[in-house]
Each structure stands twice: as structure tokens, then as C-alpha cells.
Amino acid sequence: QPVRRLRPPFVRVTIWLLLSSLWVAFIVVAMGVRTDLGARLADTQWLVEQGATLLTGLMAAVAAFCAVVPGRPRWEHAMPLLPASLWLGVLVFGCYEAWATTGDLMAQFAPDWQCFPGIVVTGLGPAVLMVLMLRRGAPIAPRMSVALGALAASAIADFGLRLFHPQDVSIMVLVWQVGTVCLLSAVAGMSGRTILRWKLRSPLEA
């Protein structure tokens, strides 16, 4: 049967981001914007972390949409690596600064059970939309496609989380927030063949 050609990946990312932003904004408003947001906006390190988080989500989304288009180069799957490295690098540097100042990095570490459900709820809308859009392509690498899509949704969710969840200690962000993003991406990737089922029909069935 004739099919409609997919829009270019960057166009699809723009559509995904605009719709996802509405969901994230709704969650942020519903939870209540953090009271110290003005001070955070004047903090260069916080801005770099947020910028790297957002860029990681965008590049992961581009890579996910590229992965469901046959014939595109595989190096596109690695597009999130650079912003993700910056994101991790800033957090690791923050951990080093805390250790150099106090001499006891783990003194700042404590359980934060709000991060996981916060990222899951904030990323629910972007994740569902991502799956629906990925299913319009050809999931020839379903695990990679879903893992990249989950990384995009969870990174965008973490960006939104930090607008209402006042947790900025580097070791806490690294373990609980980045850890949650990595866990969700890994679990989603392993479920890729189930999430993106693509049954090829043989010539005899056509």
C-alpha cells in the first residue's frame, strides 16, 4: 500500500518538543515552581547543567527519529554523547568541589525518593508521544530506537523536575536524577522489541 513519507527528523523533533513542553509545563505548574528559581537562574553552573540536560534530550530525540529511518548512518545514534558528557562532567566537577571544600562528599548524600516518581510522571507525556511517533517509522533497530527515545523523554523530564524540585547538590543529582534517567533508558531499551513491534510480511502474504 502507498505510504506517506515521514518528515525530516529535525522537523519531527520540533513537533515532539513543542507538544512535550506543554505536558512538562503543566506538571511544573501543578507541582508549583520552586521558590528559589530566580536565584537559580543567576547560577551559571545550574544553567549549564540545565542546558546540557535539555540538549541531551533533544539530541537523543533526533537520534531516535533517525534510527527508525532505514539507510541513515549509524553514527547518528551517538549524537547524545557529547551533551551527555557535558552534563555528567559538570556534575562530577560539582562533586569534586564539594569534596575539596568539606572533605566528606558523602555527608551531602541522602535518600531522595521524590526523584524517581517525579521524573516518571513528568516524562510520561513525552514518552507516550515518542512511542507513537517512533511507531510511524521502520523500527529496524527497536532496542536502540526505544532506548534513545526513553533517554530523550527522561532527560526532558529531569529538566522539568529541577524547575519544581529544589535539589541541586551535585552528588544527589548525579545519583538520583541521572541514575533514574539511565535506569529508565536501559529498561526501555531492553523492552524495545515489545514496544516497537514490526511484523514484516513475506512476499507470499503481500
Protein backbone atom coordinates (compact mmCIF):
# COMPACT_ATOMS: atom_id res chain seq x y z
CA GLN A 1 0.00 0.00 0.00
CA PRO A 2 1.23 3.58 -0.66
CA VAL A 3 2.67 5.27 2.43
CA ARG A 4 3.26 8.90 3.36
CA ARG A 5 6.89 9.91 3.59
CA LEU A 6 8.00 10.84 7.12
CA ARG A 7 9.00 14.41 7.83
CA PRO A 8 12.73 15.02 8.41
CA PRO A 9 13.94 14.06 11.92
CA PHE A 10 14.59 17.67 12.98
CA VAL A 11 11.04 18.62 11.99
CA ARG A 12 9.64 15.67 13.96
CA VAL A 13 11.77 16.65 16.97
CA THR A 14 10.38 20.18 16.84
CA ILE A 15 6.83 18.83 16.87
CA TRP A 16 7.67 16.41 19.69
CA LEU A 17 9.36 19.10 21.76
CA LEU A 18 6.51 21.60 21.39
CA LEU A 19 3.88 19.07 22.45
CA SER A 20 6.07 17.64 25.21
CA SER A 21 6.75 21.12 26.57
CA LEU A 22 3.03 21.59 27.16
CA TRP A 23 2.93 18.45 29.34
CA VAL A 24 6.10 19.37 31.24
CA ALA A 25 4.83 22.92 31.83
CA PHE A 26 1.54 21.50 33.13
CA ILE A 27 3.37 19.27 35.62
CA VAL A 28 5.65 22.11 36.76
CA VAL A 29 2.69 24.43 37.35
CA ALA A 30 0.72 21.67 39.08
CA MET A 31 3.62 20.86 41.40
CA GLY A 32 4.48 24.52 41.99
CA VAL A 33 7.55 26.33 40.68
CA ARG A 34 10.41 26.25 43.19
CA THR A 35 10.62 29.41 45.27
CA ASP A 36 14.32 29.97 44.61
CA LEU A 37 14.09 29.74 40.82
CA GLY A 38 15.17 33.36 40.44
CA ALA A 39 18.38 32.68 42.33
CA ARG A 40 18.99 29.50 40.33
CA LEU A 41 18.68 31.43 37.07
CA ALA A 42 21.63 33.56 38.23
CA ASP A 43 23.75 30.44 38.95
CA THR A 44 25.99 29.68 35.97
CA GLN A 45 26.61 26.05 36.96
CA TRP A 46 22.87 25.39 37.32
CA LEU A 47 22.21 26.94 33.92
CA VAL A 48 24.94 24.83 32.30
CA GLU A 49 23.51 21.68 33.89
CA GLN A 50 20.01 22.53 32.67
CA GLY A 51 21.28 23.43 29.21
CA ALA A 52 23.21 20.17 28.93
CA THR A 53 20.20 18.20 30.15
CA LEU A 54 17.91 19.81 27.60
CA LEU A 55 20.43 19.37 24.79
CA THR A 56 20.89 15.70 25.73
CA GLY A 57 17.14 15.19 25.43
CA LEU A 58 16.96 16.96 22.09
CA MET A 59 19.90 15.09 20.58
CA ALA A 60 18.53 11.79 21.86
CA ALA A 61 15.20 12.59 20.24
CA VAL A 62 16.88 13.40 16.93
CA ALA A 63 18.86 10.17 17.13
CA ALA A 64 15.71 8.16 17.94
CA PHE A 65 13.84 9.55 14.94
CA CYS A 66 16.86 8.93 12.72
CA ALA A 67 17.04 5.33 13.95
CA VAL A 68 13.61 4.46 12.51
CA VAL A 69 14.55 5.64 9.02
CA PRO A 70 16.33 2.90 7.02
CA GLY A 71 19.57 3.83 5.33
CA ARG A 72 20.67 6.59 7.69
CA PRO A 73 24.23 6.38 9.12
CA ARG A 74 24.69 4.65 12.47
CA TRP A 75 26.88 7.44 13.86
CA GLU A 76 23.68 9.43 14.36
CA HIS A 77 22.86 7.12 17.26
CA ALA A 78 25.79 8.67 19.16
CA MET A 79 24.56 12.27 18.92
CA PRO A 80 23.53 12.47 22.61
CA LEU A 81 27.03 11.50 23.80
CA LEU A 82 28.56 14.99 23.65
CA PRO A 83 25.87 16.88 25.62
CA ALA A 84 25.51 13.92 27.99
CA SER A 85 29.27 14.03 28.63
CA LEU A 86 29.00 17.75 29.39
CA TRP A 87 26.08 17.08 31.73
CA LEU A 88 27.98 14.38 33.61
CA GLY A 89 31.19 16.42 33.57
CA VAL A 90 29.58 19.42 35.25
CA LEU A 91 28.03 17.21 37.92
CA VAL A 92 31.29 15.36 38.57
CA PHE A 93 33.10 18.69 38.85
CA GLY A 94 30.47 19.80 41.37
CA CYS A 95 31.11 16.63 43.36
CA TYR A 96 34.86 17.33 43.29
CA GLU A 97 34.30 20.90 44.51
CA ALA A 98 32.14 19.63 47.38
CA TRP A 99 34.78 17.06 48.33
CA ALA A 100 37.59 19.65 48.16
CA THR A 101 35.61 22.03 50.37
CA THR A 102 34.25 19.67 53.01
CA GLY A 103 36.50 16.64 52.67
CA ASP A 104 33.44 14.40 53.01
CA LEU A 105 31.40 14.09 49.84
CA MET A 106 29.00 11.50 51.24
CA ALA A 107 27.94 13.87 54.02
CA GLN A 108 25.73 15.55 51.41
CA PHE A 109 24.19 12.28 50.27
CA ALA A 110 20.74 11.26 51.49
CA PRO A 111 17.77 9.31 50.13
CA ASP A 112 15.58 11.30 47.75
CA TRP A 113 12.57 9.21 46.89
CA GLN A 114 10.84 12.05 45.02
CA CYS A 115 13.22 11.99 42.05
CA PHE A 116 12.12 8.69 40.50
CA PRO A 117 8.34 9.26 40.56
CA GLY A 118 8.89 12.92 39.65
CA ILE A 119 10.83 12.03 36.50
CA VAL A 120 8.39 9.23 35.61
CA VAL A 121 5.32 11.49 35.88
CA THR A 122 6.97 14.45 34.15
CA GLY A 123 8.28 12.21 31.36
CA LEU A 124 5.06 10.26 30.84
CA GLY A 125 3.62 12.60 28.23
CA PRO A 126 6.86 12.95 26.22
CA ALA A 127 7.42 9.17 26.41
CA VAL A 128 3.96 8.23 25.12
CA LEU A 129 4.23 10.77 22.32
CA MET A 130 7.71 9.49 21.45
CA VAL A 131 6.49 5.89 21.13
CA LEU A 132 3.55 6.92 18.94
CA MET A 133 5.86 8.87 16.65
CA LEU A 134 8.51 6.14 16.51
CA ARG A 135 5.89 3.57 15.51
CA ARG A 136 5.28 5.56 12.32
CA GLY A 137 8.81 4.72 11.18
CA ALA A 138 10.54 1.43 10.42
CA PRO A 139 11.96 0.13 13.72
CA ILE A 140 14.79 -1.90 12.24
CA ALA A 141 16.74 -1.34 15.49
CA PRO A 142 13.90 -1.31 18.04
CA ARG A 143 16.03 -1.55 21.17
CA MET A 144 18.29 1.32 20.18
CA SER A 145 15.33 3.40 18.99
CA VAL A 146 13.39 2.92 22.23
CA ALA A 147 16.46 3.47 24.42
CA LEU A 148 17.19 6.76 22.66
CA GLY A 149 13.52 7.76 22.86
CA ALA A 150 13.46 6.97 26.59
CA LEU A 151 16.64 8.97 27.10
CA ALA A 152 15.02 11.91 25.32
CA ALA A 153 11.84 11.75 27.38
CA SER A 154 13.57 11.22 30.73
CA ALA A 155 16.16 13.96 30.11
CA ILE A 156 13.39 16.42 29.25
CA ALA A 157 11.57 15.22 32.37
CA ASP A 158 14.65 15.84 34.52
CA PHE A 159 14.91 19.33 33.04
CA GLY A 160 11.34 19.97 34.16
CA LEU A 161 11.86 18.28 37.53
CA ARG A 162 14.53 20.77 38.52
CA LEU A 163 12.09 23.62 37.96
CA PHE A 164 9.94 22.44 40.90
CA HIS A 165 12.15 20.05 42.89
CA PRO A 166 14.73 22.07 44.89
CA GLN A 167 17.58 19.55 44.85
CA ASP A 168 20.84 20.95 43.46
CA VAL A 169 23.57 19.08 45.38
CA SER A 170 25.75 17.52 42.65
CA ILE A 171 26.11 14.09 44.25
CA MET A 172 22.34 13.90 44.76
CA VAL A 173 21.57 14.98 41.20
CA LEU A 174 24.17 12.56 39.84
CA VAL A 175 22.91 9.53 41.76
CA TRP A 176 19.16 10.06 41.93
CA GLN A 177 18.32 12.07 38.83
CA VAL A 178 20.93 10.95 36.31
CA GLY A 179 20.68 7.46 37.78
CA THR A 180 16.92 7.45 37.15
CA VAL A 181 17.41 8.68 33.57
CA CYS A 182 19.94 5.91 32.89
CA LEU A 183 17.76 3.25 34.53
CA LEU A 184 14.64 4.21 32.57
CA SER A 185 16.60 4.33 29.30
CA ALA A 186 18.14 0.91 29.92
CA VAL A 187 14.85 -0.77 30.91
CA ALA A 188 13.04 0.78 27.95
CA GLY A 189 15.82 -0.31 25.59
CA MET A 190 15.58 -3.91 26.76
CA SER A 191 11.83 -3.77 26.07
CA GLY A 192 12.34 -2.28 22.62
CA ARG A 193 11.19 -5.32 20.64
CA THR A 194 7.96 -5.41 22.64
CA ILE A 195 7.26 -1.68 22.46
CA LEU A 196 8.06 -1.35 18.74
CA ARG A 197 6.68 -4.46 17.12
CA TRP A 198 7.19 -4.51 13.39
CA LYS A 199 5.98 -7.69 11.71
CA LEU A 200 7.35 -7.97 8.19
CA ARG A 201 5.08 -9.66 5.68
CA SER A 202 6.58 -12.19 3.32
CA PRO A 203 6.13 -11.73 -0.46
CA LEU A 204 3.62 -14.62 -0.43
CA GLU A 205 1.43 -12.74 2.09
CA ALA A 206 1.56 -9.43 0.23
